[in-house]
Amino acid sequence: MTLKQFVLNKIENINGFDTETSNCIKKVIRSTIKDFEFRSVVKVEETEAGRCEILYLASAVEEKLLSKIAEFAIGTEEETSIESIYEGYVVRNY
């Protein structure tokens, strides 16, 4: 199974998946982190802007893979940054 096929399978399992909705993309990201047993984690925290999901990246490799997965989930050929999906709420622990 290719990475793209993996993402398409994940999308099929999400009711009402919408490529325009960041929460749908985040569901695919969270599922990927769990399935591949990445060291990166997503935490919900209180910020000045209210409750938000913050992605803590464990390595540059995981960041690149998660960005690629986001591209496949959105269905774009353009390079997508995981940081844009999480609206800047990304902490790099590497």
Protein backbone atom coordinates (compact mmCIF):
# COMPACT_ATOMS: atom_id res chain seq x y z
CA MET A 1 0.00 0.00 0.00
CA THR A 2 1.32 3.40 -0.93
CA LEU A 3 1.12 6.43 1.34
CA LYS A 4 -1.52 7.94 -0.94
CA GLN A 5 -3.64 4.76 -0.75
CA PHE A 6 -3.29 4.82 3.04
CA VAL A 7 -4.64 8.39 3.13
CA LEU A 8 -7.50 7.59 0.75
CA ASN A 9 -8.49 4.64 2.98
CA LYS A 10 -8.49 6.93 6.02
CA ILE A 11 -10.65 9.47 4.19
CA GLU A 12 -13.19 6.78 3.29
CA ASN A 13 -13.62 6.02 7.01
CA ILE A 14 -14.42 9.63 7.95
CA ASN A 15 -18.12 10.46 7.53
CA GLY A 16 -18.64 13.75 5.72
CA PHE A 17 -14.96 14.26 4.94
CA ASP A 18 -14.35 17.69 3.44
CA THR A 19 -11.00 18.66 1.90
CA GLU A 20 -11.76 22.31 2.72
CA THR A 21 -12.15 21.67 6.46
CA SER A 22 -8.99 21.65 8.55
CA ASN A 23 -10.65 19.51 11.23
CA CYS A 24 -11.12 16.71 8.69
CA ILE A 25 -7.47 16.94 7.66
CA LYS A 26 -6.47 16.94 11.33
CA LYS A 27 -8.42 13.70 11.87
CA VAL A 28 -6.31 12.06 9.16
CA ILE A 29 -3.14 13.48 10.76
CA ARG A 30 -4.07 12.21 14.25
CA SER A 31 -4.92 8.80 12.87
CA THR A 32 -1.62 8.64 10.99
CA ILE A 33 0.36 9.56 14.10
CA LYS A 34 -1.37 6.74 15.97
CA ASP A 35 -1.16 4.11 13.21
CA PHE A 36 2.51 4.71 12.42
CA GLU A 37 3.36 5.14 16.11
CA PHE A 38 5.05 8.49 15.48
CA ARG A 39 6.67 10.25 18.40
CA SER A 40 4.90 13.47 17.40
CA VAL A 41 1.73 14.23 19.36
CA VAL A 42 -1.31 16.48 19.13
CA LYS A 43 -2.52 18.09 22.34
CA VAL A 44 -5.54 20.28 23.01
CA GLU A 45 -4.50 23.26 25.10
CA GLU A 46 -5.95 26.54 26.35
CA THR A 47 -4.37 29.54 24.67
CA GLU A 48 -5.16 33.23 24.51
CA ALA A 49 -7.28 32.41 21.45
CA GLY A 50 -9.21 29.70 23.35
CA ARG A 51 -8.89 25.93 23.08
CA CYS A 52 -6.79 24.76 20.16
CA GLU A 53 -4.90 21.74 18.93
CA ILE A 54 -1.13 22.05 19.05
CA LEU A 55 1.07 19.68 17.08
CA TYR A 56 4.34 18.77 18.77
CA LEU A 57 6.69 17.43 16.09
CA ALA A 58 9.39 14.98 17.14
CA SER A 59 11.48 15.03 13.96
CA ALA A 60 11.90 16.68 10.57
CA VAL A 61 11.12 13.34 8.92
CA GLU A 62 7.76 13.12 10.69
CA GLU A 63 7.03 16.74 9.77
CA LYS A 64 7.71 16.04 6.10
CA LEU A 65 5.60 12.86 6.12
CA LEU A 66 2.69 14.58 7.85
CA SER A 67 2.87 17.46 5.36
CA LYS A 68 2.76 14.94 2.51
CA ILE A 69 -0.23 13.19 4.09
CA ALA A 70 -1.99 16.56 4.37
CA GLU A 71 -1.33 17.14 0.64
CA PHE A 72 -2.90 13.79 -0.23
CA ALA A 73 -5.88 14.45 2.07
CA ILE A 74 -6.49 17.86 0.52
CA GLY A 75 -6.01 16.40 -2.94
CA THR A 76 -3.56 19.03 -4.14
CA GLU A 77 -0.39 18.75 -6.16
CA GLU A 78 0.98 21.85 -4.45
CA GLU A 79 3.29 21.49 -1.48
CA THR A 80 1.35 21.83 1.76
CA SER A 81 2.84 22.71 5.12
CA ILE A 82 1.58 20.93 8.21
CA GLU A 83 1.94 24.30 9.91
CA SER A 84 -0.76 25.78 7.67
CA ILE A 85 -3.17 22.99 8.70
CA TYR A 86 -2.53 23.74 12.38
CA GLU A 87 -2.62 27.51 11.76
CA GLY A 88 0.85 28.00 13.20
CA TYR A 89 0.21 25.99 16.37
CA VAL A 90 3.23 23.74 15.80
CA VAL A 91 6.12 23.12 18.18
CA ARG A 92 9.25 21.53 16.78
CA ASN A 93 11.01 19.37 19.36
CA TYR A 94 13.97 18.57 17.16
